[in-house]
Protein backbone atom coordinates (compact mmCIF):
# COMPACT_ATOMS: atom_id res chain seq x y z
CA MET A 1 0.00 0.00 0.00
CA LYS A 2 1.12 3.54 -0.71
CA PRO A 3 2.25 5.43 2.39
CA VAL A 4 0.06 8.38 3.38
CA TYR A 5 1.48 11.41 5.18
CA VAL A 6 0.07 14.28 7.25
CA ILE A 7 1.20 17.54 5.66
CA GLY A 8 -1.06 20.10 7.36
CA GLU A 9 -3.48 20.48 10.24
CA ASN A 10 -5.67 23.00 12.03
CA ILE A 11 -8.04 23.29 14.96
CA VAL A 12 -10.46 26.20 15.40
CA SER A 13 -12.02 25.96 18.86
CA PRO A 14 -13.26 28.23 21.66
CA ILE A 15 -9.74 27.83 23.07
CA ALA A 16 -7.74 29.05 20.05
CA PRO A 17 -7.84 29.38 16.22
CA THR A 18 -4.79 27.29 15.29
CA ALA A 19 -3.56 23.79 16.05
CA GLU A 20 -0.35 25.02 17.63
CA GLU A 21 -2.12 27.49 19.93
CA ASN A 22 -4.64 24.83 20.94
CA PHE A 23 -1.88 22.37 21.81
CA THR A 24 0.02 25.00 23.83
CA SER A 25 -3.14 25.84 25.77
CA LEU A 26 -3.97 22.20 26.46
CA LYS A 27 -0.48 21.63 27.85
CA LYS A 28 -1.25 24.47 30.30
CA GLY A 29 -4.52 22.82 31.30
CA ILE A 30 -6.74 25.45 29.66
CA THR A 31 -10.25 24.24 28.84
CA GLY A 32 -12.94 25.75 26.64
CA ILE A 33 -15.80 24.49 28.83
CA ARG A 34 -17.83 27.14 30.64
CA LEU A 35 -21.24 27.46 32.30
CA HIS A 36 -23.60 29.13 29.81
CA ASP A 37 -26.99 30.72 30.38
CA ASN A 38 -28.33 31.08 26.83
CA ARG A 39 -32.10 30.77 26.68
CA GLN A 40 -32.00 30.52 22.87
CA ILE A 41 -30.29 27.15 23.29
CA SER A 42 -31.58 25.87 26.64
CA PRO A 43 -34.12 27.01 29.25
CA GLU A 44 -31.62 26.04 31.95
CA PRO A 45 -27.91 26.92 32.36
CA PHE A 46 -25.61 24.27 30.89
CA TYR A 47 -21.91 23.50 30.59
CA ALA A 48 -20.43 23.53 27.09
CA ALA A 49 -17.47 24.74 25.03
CA LEU A 50 -18.99 27.46 22.84
CA PHE A 51 -17.55 30.30 20.78
CA ASP A 52 -17.92 33.80 22.18
CA ALA A 53 -19.78 36.35 20.10
CA GLY A 54 -17.43 37.34 17.30
CA GLY A 55 -15.32 34.20 17.73
CA ILE A 56 -16.16 33.21 14.18
CA PRO A 57 -15.92 36.35 12.01
CA GLU A 58 -18.77 37.26 9.67
CA ASN A 59 -17.99 37.34 5.95
CA ALA A 60 -18.57 40.55 4.02
CA GLU A 61 -21.30 39.10 1.80
CA ASN A 62 -23.01 37.33 4.75
CA SER A 63 -23.50 34.38 2.40
CA TYR A 64 -22.00 31.71 4.67
CA THR A 65 -23.54 30.30 7.83
CA LYS A 66 -21.67 30.00 11.14
CA PHE A 67 -21.05 26.31 10.36
CA GLU A 68 -19.56 27.15 6.94
CA ARG A 69 -17.47 30.06 8.22
CA LEU A 70 -15.99 27.75 10.84
CA LEU A 71 -14.96 25.26 8.14
CA ILE A 72 -13.53 28.02 5.94
CA MET A 73 -11.39 29.31 8.83
CA SER A 74 -10.05 25.84 9.56
CA ILE A 75 -9.39 24.77 5.96
CA GLY A 76 -7.79 28.11 5.11
CA ASP A 77 -5.28 27.90 7.95
CA ALA A 78 -4.39 24.26 7.18
CA LEU A 79 -3.92 24.92 3.46
CA ARG A 80 -1.62 27.89 4.06
CA LYS A 81 0.99 25.46 5.41
CA THR A 82 0.95 23.05 2.49
CA GLY A 83 1.01 24.59 -0.97
CA VAL A 84 -1.47 21.92 -2.09
CA PRO A 85 -2.89 22.64 -5.58
CA VAL A 86 -6.59 22.75 -4.69
CA ALA A 87 -7.62 23.32 -8.33
CA SER A 88 -6.10 20.01 -9.38
CA ARG A 89 -8.47 17.12 -10.06
CA ARG A 90 -6.04 15.01 -8.02
CA THR A 91 -6.82 17.01 -4.87
CA ALA A 92 -9.98 15.97 -3.02
CA LEU A 93 -12.09 17.62 -0.31
CA ILE A 94 -14.00 15.71 2.38
CA ILE A 95 -16.46 17.44 4.73
CA SER A 96 -17.48 15.63 7.93
CA SER A 97 -20.37 16.74 10.15
CA THR A 98 -23.29 15.31 12.07
CA LYS A 99 -25.76 18.21 11.86
CA GLY A 100 -24.28 20.93 9.64
CA ASN A 101 -26.78 23.76 9.19
CA ILE A 102 -29.63 22.10 11.11
CA SER A 103 -30.02 25.28 13.20
CA LEU A 104 -31.61 27.00 10.19
CA ILE A 105 -34.87 25.14 10.80
CA GLU A 106 -35.13 26.67 14.28
CA SER A 107 -35.97 30.13 12.92
CA ALA A 108 -37.63 29.61 9.54
CA GLU A 109 -40.39 27.66 7.83
CA LEU A 110 -39.15 24.41 6.27
CA THR A 111 -39.55 25.17 2.56
CA GLU A 112 -37.97 23.33 -0.35
CA ALA A 113 -35.42 26.14 -0.65
CA LEU A 114 -34.51 25.76 3.02
CA ARG A 115 -34.21 21.98 2.61
CA ASN A 116 -31.67 22.56 -0.14
CA ARG A 117 -29.80 25.16 1.92
CA ILE A 118 -29.57 22.83 4.93
CA ALA A 119 -28.23 19.92 2.85
CA LEU A 120 -24.62 19.10 3.69
CA SER A 121 -23.94 18.75 -0.03
CA THR A 122 -24.85 22.44 -0.43
CA SER A 123 -22.35 23.49 2.25
CA ALA A 124 -19.68 21.23 0.77
CA ARG A 125 -20.12 22.74 -2.68
CA LEU A 126 -20.02 26.32 -1.31
CA ILE A 127 -16.80 25.58 0.57
CA ALA A 128 -15.24 23.81 -2.41
CA ASP A 129 -16.05 26.79 -4.63
CA HIS A 130 -14.68 29.22 -2.03
CA PHE A 131 -11.24 27.61 -2.19
CA GLY A 132 -11.33 26.61 -5.86
CA PHE A 133 -11.53 22.82 -5.52
CA THR A 134 -12.53 21.29 -8.86
CA SER A 135 -13.10 17.69 -7.74
CA GLN A 136 -16.54 16.77 -6.43
CA PRO A 137 -16.52 17.22 -2.62
CA VAL A 138 -17.29 14.15 -0.52
CA VAL A 139 -19.68 14.45 2.45
CA ILE A 140 -19.48 12.08 5.43
CA SER A 141 -22.16 12.20 8.10
CA HIS A 142 -21.74 9.08 10.22
CA ALA A 143 -22.70 10.17 13.73
CA CYS A 144 -19.76 10.91 16.03
CA ILE A 145 -17.24 8.84 14.07
CA SER A 146 -17.66 11.15 11.04
CA GLY A 147 -14.23 12.77 11.39
CA VAL A 148 -12.37 9.47 11.75
CA VAL A 149 -14.35 7.94 8.86
CA GLY A 150 -13.27 10.97 6.83
CA LEU A 151 -9.63 10.10 7.54
CA ILE A 152 -10.18 6.45 6.59
CA THR A 153 -11.96 7.46 3.38
CA ALA A 154 -9.10 9.79 2.48
CA LEU A 155 -6.60 7.01 3.22
CA ARG A 156 -8.38 4.74 0.74
CA MET A 157 -8.57 7.48 -1.91
CA LEU A 158 -4.83 8.07 -1.69
CA GLN A 159 -3.96 4.37 -1.56
CA SER A 160 -5.99 3.82 -4.74
CA GLY A 161 -3.69 6.17 -6.65
CA GLY A 162 -6.58 8.31 -7.83
CA TYR A 163 -5.53 11.32 -5.75
CA ASP A 164 -2.31 12.94 -4.56
CA HIS A 165 -3.80 15.07 -1.77
CA VAL A 166 -6.98 14.99 0.32
CA VAL A 167 -8.23 17.76 2.61
CA ILE A 168 -10.47 16.42 5.40
CA ALA A 169 -12.40 19.01 7.41
CA GLY A 170 -15.06 18.54 10.07
CA ALA A 171 -17.23 20.90 12.08
CA ASP A 172 -20.34 21.10 14.21
CA ILE A 173 -22.00 23.88 16.18
CA ILE A 174 -24.24 23.49 19.22
CA THR A 175 -27.87 24.51 18.76
CA ARG A 176 -31.12 24.12 20.68
CA PHE A 177 -32.03 21.16 18.47
CA ILE A 178 -28.75 19.34 19.24
CA LEU A 179 -28.58 20.08 22.97
CA SER A 180 -32.23 19.17 23.53
CA GLY A 181 -31.65 15.85 21.79
CA PHE A 182 -28.91 14.89 24.22
CA GLN A 183 -30.94 16.23 27.12
CA SER A 184 -33.85 13.99 26.12
CA PHE A 185 -31.55 11.01 26.68
CA HIS A 186 -30.60 12.42 30.10
CA ALA A 187 -27.05 12.20 28.76
CA VAL A 188 -25.82 15.75 29.51
CA SER A 189 -23.69 16.24 32.62
CA ASN A 190 -24.63 18.95 35.12
CA GLU A 191 -20.91 19.72 35.48
CA PRO A 192 -17.87 19.54 33.19
CA CYS A 193 -17.59 15.95 31.98
CA LYS A 194 -15.36 13.35 33.68
CA PRO A 195 -14.22 10.73 31.14
CA PHE A 196 -13.50 7.27 32.61
CA ASP A 197 -14.00 8.61 36.15
CA ALA A 198 -16.06 6.83 38.80
CA GLY A 199 -18.20 9.98 39.18
CA ARG A 200 -18.94 10.52 35.49
CA ASN A 201 -22.55 11.23 34.63
CA GLY A 202 -22.75 12.34 31.01
CA VAL A 203 -21.40 14.39 28.16
CA THR A 204 -20.46 18.02 27.85
CA LEU A 205 -21.05 19.32 24.33
CA GLY A 206 -18.74 21.61 22.38
CA GLU A 207 -18.38 23.30 19.03
CA GLY A 208 -15.33 23.53 16.82
CA ALA A 209 -13.68 22.54 13.58
CA ALA A 210 -10.52 20.78 12.47
CA THR A 211 -8.73 20.03 9.22
CA ILE A 212 -6.10 17.46 8.32
CA VAL A 213 -4.38 17.48 4.94
CA LEU A 214 -3.11 14.08 3.80
CA SER A 215 -0.77 13.42 0.89
CA SER A 216 0.97 10.58 -0.87
CA ASN A 217 4.05 12.86 -1.10
CA LYS A 218 6.34 12.75 1.92
CA PRO A 219 7.37 16.15 3.33
CA SER A 220 11.10 16.79 3.10
CA THR A 221 11.50 18.55 6.45
CA GLY A 222 10.38 18.24 10.05
CA GLU A 223 8.93 15.34 12.02
CA VAL A 224 6.64 13.48 9.61
CA ILE A 225 3.54 11.57 10.73
CA GLN A 226 1.89 8.82 8.69
CA LEU A 227 -1.69 7.61 8.74
CA CYS A 228 -0.98 3.90 8.55
CA GLY A 229 -4.31 2.12 8.92
CA GLY A 230 -7.97 2.42 9.75
CA SER A 231 -11.14 0.42 10.11
CA VAL A 232 -14.88 0.82 10.83
CA SER A 233 -17.23 -1.60 12.60
CA ASN A 234 -20.79 -1.65 13.95
CA ASP A 235 -22.23 -3.08 17.15
CA ALA A 236 -25.65 -3.97 15.65
CA ASN A 237 -26.81 -3.56 19.23
CA HIS A 238 -28.95 -0.45 19.79
CA ILE A 239 -29.64 2.92 18.16
CA SER A 240 -28.27 4.91 21.11
CA GLY A 241 -26.62 2.35 23.42
CA PRO A 242 -23.17 0.91 22.64
CA SER A 243 -22.14 -2.73 22.78
CA ARG A 244 -21.98 -4.20 26.27
CA THR A 245 -18.91 -6.28 25.41
CA GLY A 246 -16.65 -3.93 23.44
CA GLU A 247 -16.01 -6.69 20.90
CA GLU A 248 -17.06 -4.61 17.91
CA LEU A 249 -14.82 -1.62 18.71
CA PHE A 250 -12.08 -4.19 19.34
CA GLN A 251 -12.64 -5.50 15.79
CA ALA A 252 -12.07 -2.01 14.38
CA ILE A 253 -8.94 -1.58 16.54
CA GLN A 254 -7.61 -4.98 15.52
CA LYS A 255 -8.11 -4.39 11.80
CA ALA A 256 -6.62 -0.89 11.96
CA MET A 257 -3.53 -2.27 13.71
CA GLU A 258 -3.25 -5.11 11.20
CA GLU A 259 -3.32 -2.68 8.30
CA ALA A 260 -0.71 -0.52 10.03
CA SER A 261 1.41 -3.64 10.70
CA VAL A 262 1.75 -2.83 14.40
CA THR A 263 1.29 -5.00 17.47
CA SER A 264 -0.20 -4.06 20.83
CA GLY A 265 3.34 -3.71 22.19
CA GLU A 266 4.09 -0.99 19.61
CA ILE A 267 1.16 1.31 20.52
CA ASP A 268 2.58 4.06 22.74
CA ILE A 269 -0.53 6.17 23.41
CA ILE A 270 -4.29 5.94 22.86
CA SER A 271 -6.55 8.88 22.09
CA ALA A 272 -9.93 7.53 23.20
CA HIS A 273 -13.44 8.71 22.37
CA GLY A 274 -14.13 9.00 26.12
CA THR A 275 -17.50 10.77 26.18
CA ALA A 276 -17.93 10.36 29.97
CA THR A 277 -21.24 8.54 29.66
CA LEU A 278 -21.52 5.41 31.77
CA TYR A 279 -21.88 3.04 28.83
CA ASN A 280 -19.40 4.51 26.32
CA ASP A 281 -16.43 4.57 28.67
CA GLU A 282 -17.27 1.10 29.98
CA MET A 283 -17.45 -0.27 26.43
CA GLU A 284 -14.16 1.39 25.44
CA SER A 285 -12.39 -0.03 28.48
CA LYS A 286 -13.49 -3.53 27.47
CA ALA A 287 -12.36 -3.03 23.86
CA ILE A 288 -8.97 -1.74 25.02
CA ASN A 289 -8.53 -4.83 27.20
CA LEU A 290 -9.58 -7.18 24.39
CA ALA A 291 -6.85 -5.56 22.28
CA GLY A 292 -4.27 -6.16 25.02
CA LEU A 293 -3.72 -2.41 25.42
CA GLN A 294 -4.75 -1.95 29.06
CA GLN A 295 -1.25 -0.80 30.07
CA VAL A 296 -0.97 1.81 27.31
CA PRO A 297 -1.56 5.43 28.42
CA VAL A 298 -5.05 6.60 27.38
CA ASN A 299 -6.55 10.06 27.33
CA SER A 300 -9.84 11.71 26.44
CA LEU A 301 -9.90 15.35 25.36
CA LYS A 302 -13.62 15.86 26.02
CA GLY A 303 -12.81 17.75 29.22
CA PHE A 304 -11.00 20.36 27.10
CA TYR A 305 -13.29 20.65 24.08
CA GLY A 306 -16.52 18.98 25.10
CA HIS A 307 -17.98 16.53 22.60
CA THR A 308 -17.68 18.28 19.24
CA LEU A 309 -19.67 15.59 17.40
CA GLY A 310 -18.59 15.35 13.72
CA ALA A 311 -15.46 17.38 14.44
CA ALA A 312 -14.36 15.34 17.47
CA GLY A 313 -12.42 12.65 15.61
CA LEU A 314 -10.48 15.24 13.62
CA ILE A 315 -9.79 17.61 16.54
CA GLU A 316 -8.53 14.71 18.64
CA SER A 317 -6.49 13.30 15.73
CA VAL A 318 -4.75 16.66 15.27
CA ILE A 319 -3.82 16.64 18.97
CA ALA A 320 -2.62 13.02 18.61
CA ILE A 321 -0.40 14.06 15.68
CA LEU A 322 1.10 16.95 17.68
CA SER A 323 1.53 14.66 20.69
CA LEU A 324 3.66 12.31 18.59
CA LYS A 325 5.68 15.20 17.17
CA GLU A 326 6.38 16.68 20.61
CA ASN A 327 6.51 13.40 22.59
CA VAL A 328 3.83 14.71 24.97
CA MET A 329 0.80 12.85 26.35
CA LEU A 330 -1.97 15.19 27.50
CA PRO A 331 -4.00 14.49 30.64
CA THR A 332 -7.73 13.69 30.86
CA PRO A 333 -9.50 16.61 32.58
CA GLY A 334 -12.06 15.46 35.13
CA PHE A 335 -10.49 12.05 35.73
CA HIS A 336 -9.64 11.25 39.35
CA SER A 337 -10.42 7.59 40.01
CA ARG A 338 -11.14 4.64 37.73
CA GLY A 339 -14.80 4.10 37.01
CA THR A 340 -14.75 1.18 34.57
CA SER A 341 -14.94 -2.53 35.29
CA MET A 342 -11.83 -3.24 33.20
CA PRO A 343 -8.52 -1.50 33.93
CA VAL A 344 -7.33 1.26 31.62
CA ASN A 345 -4.23 3.39 32.09
CA VAL A 346 -5.93 6.79 32.00
CA SER A 347 -3.51 9.70 31.82
CA ALA A 348 -4.36 12.01 34.71
CA GLU A 349 -1.42 14.36 34.26
CA LEU A 350 0.88 15.60 31.51
CA ARG A 351 3.38 12.94 30.49
CA THR A 352 6.46 12.97 28.30
CA GLY A 353 8.09 10.00 26.63
CA ASP A 354 9.45 8.57 23.42
CA TYR A 355 6.16 8.20 21.53
CA HIS A 356 6.13 6.74 18.01
CA CYS A 357 2.67 5.26 17.51
CA CYS A 358 -0.84 6.39 18.48
CA LEU A 359 -4.19 4.61 18.26
CA LYS A 360 -7.25 6.86 17.87
CA THR A 361 -10.71 5.45 18.54
CA ALA A 362 -14.23 6.79 18.04
CA SER A 363 -17.78 5.55 18.59
CA GLY A 364 -21.25 6.93 17.96
CA PHE A 365 -25.00 6.49 17.87
CA GLY A 366 -26.20 3.58 15.79
CA GLY A 367 -23.41 1.43 17.23
CA CYS A 368 -20.74 2.75 14.87
CA ASN A 369 -17.03 2.45 15.74
CA ALA A 370 -13.82 3.52 14.05
CA ALA A 371 -10.10 3.35 14.72
CA VAL A 372 -7.00 4.73 13.02
CA VAL A 373 -3.28 4.40 13.66
CA PHE A 374 -0.77 7.27 13.35
CA GLN A 375 3.00 6.67 13.35
CA LYS A 376 6.17 8.64 13.00
CA ALA A 377 7.52 8.08 9.52
CA VAL A 378 10.91 6.43 9.19
């Protein structure tokens, strides 16, 4: 298989507008989660990581929504580092999101025109045209594994030889529709979330965007990271409840590691999904044990960013890439004592080491799971 390299990345979050600034802030323990009292989103105060007013600049023509402006900010910053020829037919664009412009239905009658405007394909085309992409943009909306599935899709596109570069961007914003959906499941924590902790009681939501640029051309300078393998599986268990055994996420982990040609002893760090719900973290702990990875340091970034839905897999993958480059393992905010039946080596404080290989996992509604492996290139 052709090797695939990371040549650019970005994160736009309530913490900072670039990947480097985000990583610096996370190393200092800075979180984007705050208590918000916004009656347009929720009748009660709630914890979330949300952009301040003006955090996502308006465009002069006012033709892009908040969701689209967020993607444009992220893609623009990532592309500036790469010199990728976006107008080439051999450069692809993938957009990952769970809800996109769904907030538009909260303030307007659902007409045929509004249906078309809400469609993710409409946003993808607008963004492609903004940057001058000529290839047909690909849209991936696969619950909360959307960002990781975007990476796996890009990996396959590059391995096929049909493309030289793929830009994968993901974003979601928090609206009344989205928050009320999680509240209806009684899945939202009344405090900042606590992944893998004994006192965890639900998710904290967040908004943000991230972009990763992959290429079949190896960069000539700097520490180079490869995307070496990926896989997707499904629990076939329940629309909103994950597997009780972790076997299906384990299958995705196993196949991703097989494609990357790495063993459990070669995984140095794990970037987990870690939503801080009772069932997700329990399921992940079982999958990690089935993979023989229970001694490997694990973190969840949800205590920094909240759960950013379709952007989560990409935001957390960018941090995993920078962690490998800087040999730094970030802590898991909110974690104090183990709250899963199977042991996992949750990182509770900043660690440093000689890190070469990272496993990234993700899971979502509908029983979907995904895993990818990043490695330092030799």
